[in-house]
Protein backbone atom coordinates (compact mmCIF):
# COMPACT_ATOMS: atom_id res chain seq x y z
CA MET A 1 15.91 -37.55 19.07
CA LEU A 2 13.07 -37.93 21.55
CA ARG A 3 14.76 -35.65 24.07
CA ARG A 4 15.35 -32.92 21.48
CA ALA A 5 11.75 -33.14 20.31
CA LYS A 6 10.47 -32.70 23.87
CA ASN A 7 12.80 -29.77 24.51
CA GLY A 8 11.75 -28.13 21.26
CA LYS A 9 8.08 -28.53 22.11
CA ARG A 10 8.68 -27.10 25.56
CA LEU A 11 10.55 -24.12 24.11
CA TRP A 12 7.74 -23.44 21.64
CA LEU A 13 5.25 -23.38 24.50
CA VAL A 14 7.36 -20.87 26.46
CA PHE A 15 7.58 -18.56 23.44
CA GLY A 16 3.81 -18.76 23.00
CA LEU A 17 3.15 -17.81 26.60
CA VAL A 18 5.58 -14.89 26.46
CA ALA A 19 3.91 -13.57 23.31
CA ALA A 20 0.46 -13.83 24.91
CA VAL A 21 1.52 -11.94 28.04
CA GLY A 22 3.15 -9.25 25.91
CA MET A 23 -0.06 -8.79 23.95
CA PHE A 24 -2.42 -8.36 26.90
CA GLY A 25 -0.17 -7.13 29.72
CA GLY A 26 2.01 -8.83 32.30
CA GLY A 27 0.31 -10.67 35.12
CA ILE A 28 -3.03 -11.04 33.33
CA ALA A 29 -4.26 -14.55 32.60
CA LEU A 30 -5.68 -15.34 29.18
CA ALA A 31 -8.48 -17.76 28.41
CA ALA A 32 -7.38 -21.07 26.88
CA ALA A 33 -9.42 -20.50 23.71
CA PRO A 34 -10.40 -17.21 22.07
CA ILE A 35 -13.84 -16.15 20.96
CA VAL A 36 -13.73 -16.29 17.15
CA GLY A 37 -15.74 -14.30 14.60
CA ASP A 38 -15.66 -15.73 11.09
CA SER A 39 -16.33 -14.65 7.50
CA THR A 40 -19.89 -16.06 7.56
CA ASN A 41 -20.81 -13.46 10.22
CA HIS A 42 -21.08 -16.06 12.99
CA TYR A 43 -19.12 -16.83 16.13
CA SER A 44 -17.30 -20.14 15.84
CA SER A 45 -19.33 -21.56 18.76
CA PRO A 46 -22.48 -20.65 20.71
CA ASN A 47 -20.57 -21.23 23.97
CA TYR A 48 -17.17 -20.21 25.30
CA THR A 49 -15.52 -20.83 28.66
CA ALA A 50 -13.14 -18.76 30.80
CA ASP A 51 -11.92 -18.80 34.38
CA GLN A 52 -12.45 -15.90 36.76
CA GLY A 53 -9.82 -13.18 36.36
CA GLU A 54 -9.07 -13.93 32.71
CA ILE A 55 -9.16 -11.44 29.86
CA VAL A 56 -10.67 -13.38 26.98
CA PRO A 57 -9.05 -12.90 23.55
CA PHE A 58 -11.26 -12.15 20.54
CA GLN A 59 -10.03 -13.28 17.14
CA VAL A 60 -11.50 -12.30 13.76
CA THR A 61 -10.85 -14.57 10.78
CA GLY A 62 -13.08 -12.71 8.33
CA SER A 63 -15.46 -9.74 8.01
CA GLN A 64 -15.70 -7.09 10.76
CA HIS A 65 -16.85 -8.03 14.25
CA ASN A 66 -16.84 -7.24 17.95
CA VAL A 67 -17.85 -8.79 21.27
CA THR A 68 -20.40 -6.79 23.29
CA ALA A 69 -22.16 -8.02 26.44
CA THR A 70 -25.95 -7.74 26.38
CA THR A 71 -26.10 -6.48 29.98
CA ASN A 72 -24.56 -3.33 31.43
CA GLY A 73 -21.95 -2.99 34.14
CA PRO A 74 -21.60 -0.41 36.95
CA ASP A 75 -20.34 2.20 34.48
CA GLY A 76 -23.63 2.01 32.55
CA LYS A 77 -21.93 0.47 29.51
CA SER A 78 -21.68 -3.13 28.31
CA LEU A 79 -20.41 -5.42 31.07
CA PHE A 80 -17.55 -6.48 28.78
CA ARG A 81 -16.64 -5.36 25.26
CA SER A 82 -13.99 -5.53 22.59
CA ALA A 83 -12.90 -3.18 19.87
CA THR A 84 -14.39 -3.75 16.41
CA ILE A 85 -11.73 -5.35 14.23
CA SER A 86 -11.56 -6.85 10.73
CA GLY A 87 -8.70 -9.25 11.44
CA GLY A 88 -6.22 -10.30 14.11
CA THR A 89 -6.79 -10.53 17.87
CA THR A 90 -7.89 -8.02 20.50
CA PRO A 91 -8.79 -8.38 24.21
CA VAL A 92 -12.38 -8.49 25.43
CA SER A 93 -12.01 -5.91 28.18
CA GLY A 94 -14.08 -6.43 31.32
CA THR A 95 -14.10 -10.24 31.42
CA GLN A 96 -11.39 -10.11 34.11
CA TYR A 97 -13.97 -8.69 36.56
CA LEU A 98 -16.64 -11.35 36.05
CA SER A 99 -17.62 -13.81 38.76
CA THR A 100 -18.89 -17.33 38.11
CA GLY A 101 -21.93 -17.32 35.83
CA ASN A 102 -23.22 -17.23 32.26
CA TYR A 103 -23.03 -14.02 30.24
CA THR A 104 -24.59 -13.51 26.80
CA PHE A 105 -22.96 -11.33 24.16
CA ILE A 106 -23.44 -10.25 20.55
CA CYS A 107 -21.62 -8.57 17.70
CA THR A 108 -23.31 -5.18 17.36
CA ILE A 109 -22.62 -5.20 13.60
CA HIS A 110 -24.29 -8.60 13.07
CA PRO A 111 -26.61 -8.95 16.10
CA THR A 112 -29.05 -11.38 14.47
CA THR A 113 -26.46 -13.98 13.44
CA MET A 114 -23.78 -13.46 16.08
CA GLN A 115 -25.01 -14.36 19.55
CA ALA A 116 -23.18 -16.51 22.09
CA THR A 117 -22.64 -17.12 25.80
CA LEU A 118 -19.51 -16.83 27.93
CA HIS A 119 -19.45 -19.37 30.77
CA VAL A 120 -17.21 -18.23 33.64
CA THR A 121 -16.11 -21.14 35.83
CA GLY A 122 -15.48 -21.23 39.57
CA ASN A 123 -11.73 -21.42 39.01
CA GLY A 124 -9.51 -18.39 39.60
CA THR A 125 -10.41 -15.07 41.23
CA PRO A 126 -12.08 -12.04 39.62
CA GLN A 127 -9.93 -8.93 39.46
CA ALA A 128 -11.15 -6.04 41.61
CA ARG A 129 -13.10 -3.42 39.69
CA PRO A 130 -11.49 0.04 39.55
CA ASN A 131 -12.98 2.65 41.87
CA ALA A 132 -11.96 6.26 42.48
CA THR A 133 -11.99 8.81 45.29
CA LEU A 134 -11.91 12.46 44.18
CA THR A 135 -10.60 15.48 46.10
CA LEU A 136 -10.09 19.10 45.12
CA VAL A 137 -6.38 19.91 45.41
CA SER A 138 -6.62 23.55 44.30
CA LYS A 139 -7.60 25.91 47.14
CA LYS A 140 -7.21 29.52 45.94
CA ILE A 141 -9.88 30.77 43.58
CA SER A 142 -7.71 33.68 42.35
CA LYS A 143 -4.89 31.29 41.37
CA VAL A 144 -7.25 28.95 39.51
CA ALA A 145 -8.89 31.84 37.65
CA LYS A 146 -5.52 33.31 36.67
CA LYS A 147 -3.83 30.09 35.53
CA GLY A 148 -6.97 28.48 34.12
CA LYS A 149 -6.10 25.17 35.72
CA LEU A 150 -7.90 23.18 38.39
CA LEU A 151 -5.99 20.43 40.20
CA VAL A 152 -7.92 17.32 41.25
CA GLY A 153 -6.63 14.42 43.35
CA VAL A 154 -7.68 10.98 42.12
CA ASN A 155 -7.08 7.91 44.27
CA MET A 156 -7.61 4.69 42.27
CA THR A 157 -8.04 1.18 43.67
CA ALA A 158 -6.81 -0.28 40.35
CA PRO A 159 -5.39 1.10 37.08
CA VAL A 160 -7.79 1.97 34.28
CA ASP A 161 -7.72 3.49 30.79
CA GLY A 162 -10.32 5.76 29.21
CA ALA A 163 -11.56 7.53 32.34
CA SER A 164 -13.03 11.04 32.22
CA LEU A 165 -13.15 13.78 34.87
CA VAL A 166 -15.47 16.81 35.04
CA ALA A 167 -15.44 19.85 37.33
CA SER A 168 -18.67 21.83 37.70
CA LEU A 169 -19.88 24.99 39.39
CA GLY A 170 -23.58 24.53 39.97
CA LYS A 171 -25.02 23.41 36.62
CA ALA A 172 -22.16 24.98 34.64
CA THR A 173 -19.17 22.89 33.55
CA LEU A 174 -15.85 24.49 34.44
CA GLY A 175 -13.71 21.98 32.56
CA ARG A 176 -13.12 18.34 31.77
CA ALA A 177 -10.32 15.88 31.11
CA ASN A 178 -11.02 12.91 28.84
CA SER A 179 -9.32 9.64 27.84
CA LEU A 180 -7.31 9.48 31.05
CA SER A 181 -4.98 6.59 31.87
CA LEU A 182 -5.01 6.37 35.65
CA LYS A 183 -2.66 4.27 37.75
CA ALA A 184 -3.47 2.59 41.04
CA GLY A 185 -2.99 4.91 44.02
CA GLN A 186 -2.97 8.69 44.40
CA GLN A 187 -2.33 11.05 41.50
CA THR A 188 -3.10 14.66 40.57
CA ILE A 189 -4.94 15.54 37.36
CA ALA A 190 -5.00 19.06 35.91
CA ILE A 191 -8.28 20.18 34.34
CA GLY A 192 -7.94 23.09 31.92
CA LEU A 193 -10.53 25.86 32.12
CA GLY A 194 -11.88 27.91 29.22
CA LYS A 195 -12.33 31.68 29.11
CA ALA A 196 -15.93 31.54 30.35
CA ALA A 197 -15.00 29.40 33.35
CA LYS A 198 -12.04 31.62 34.27
CA SER A 199 -14.23 34.71 33.99
CA LYS A 200 -16.93 33.16 36.15
CA LEU A 201 -14.45 32.28 38.90
CA ALA A 202 -12.70 35.65 38.73
CA LYS A 203 -15.95 37.34 39.74
CA LYS A 204 -16.36 35.20 42.85
CA SER A 205 -14.69 35.31 46.27
CA LYS A 206 -15.46 31.64 46.88
CA ALA A 207 -16.91 28.72 44.98
CA SER A 208 -18.14 25.19 45.69
CA VAL A 209 -16.84 22.84 42.99
CA THR A 210 -18.41 19.47 42.21
CA LEU A 211 -16.21 16.72 40.78
CA THR A 212 -17.47 13.70 38.85
CA ALA A 213 -15.60 10.90 37.09
CA ASP A 214 -16.62 8.12 34.73
CA ILE A 215 -14.54 5.02 35.44
CA PRO A 216 -14.64 2.27 32.77
CA PHE A 217 -15.91 -1.00 34.28
CA GLY A 218 -16.27 0.70 37.69
CA SER A 219 -18.86 2.84 39.45
CA PRO A 220 -18.94 6.60 38.74
CA ALA A 221 -17.12 8.68 41.34
CA SER A 222 -17.96 12.09 42.80
CA GLY A 223 -16.50 14.60 45.21
CA LYS A 224 -16.73 18.24 46.29
CA GLY A 225 -14.34 20.99 47.30
CA LYS A 226 -14.25 24.72 47.98
CA LEU A 227 -12.18 27.49 46.43
CA LYS A 228 -11.58 30.65 48.49
């Protein structure tokens, strides 16, 4: 009986770990305890603890809440943040990049009653923040103007979701690509051009294009290239 009980407990633990990895992605460590928002519009504790490299889960047991860091990261947005949910569990994205320290956060819906601190220990290793290098792949201005498509090379140090990419000619925007899911390494992104942009390029024999990208949780990226 004792042996079966131990085996059953061990099996339950394995199933729990598999479910957790499936929820937040393979190879990503989860914090031992989630941040919890309750029906009284409070976090369950004023203090939470995580190791470096962990994505902290956020659980809502009542009302509608989120987790939003009170300081900004290199992308100009909250250092870590979750989606706003009214029940269930969601990841607090950005905690995997934090180094040892104390980080305050609030619920933006209930900022006066929901304030807490995330303590990141010296255990583990922070994940590397995503950074991008941009290059202009398209070379012929006549081809770009005719097809209305500008090809941009993006080299990522780490995968990221929700990136945006803009191509400009002087102060005028030629085109943009939003909500991009970028993988680690080199990839080519096509930016569609509108009628005004195609017309502007068709009148030129050459053009200097400026590229900019917003990278969630990473520094903005920029690059330049010439069309002839």
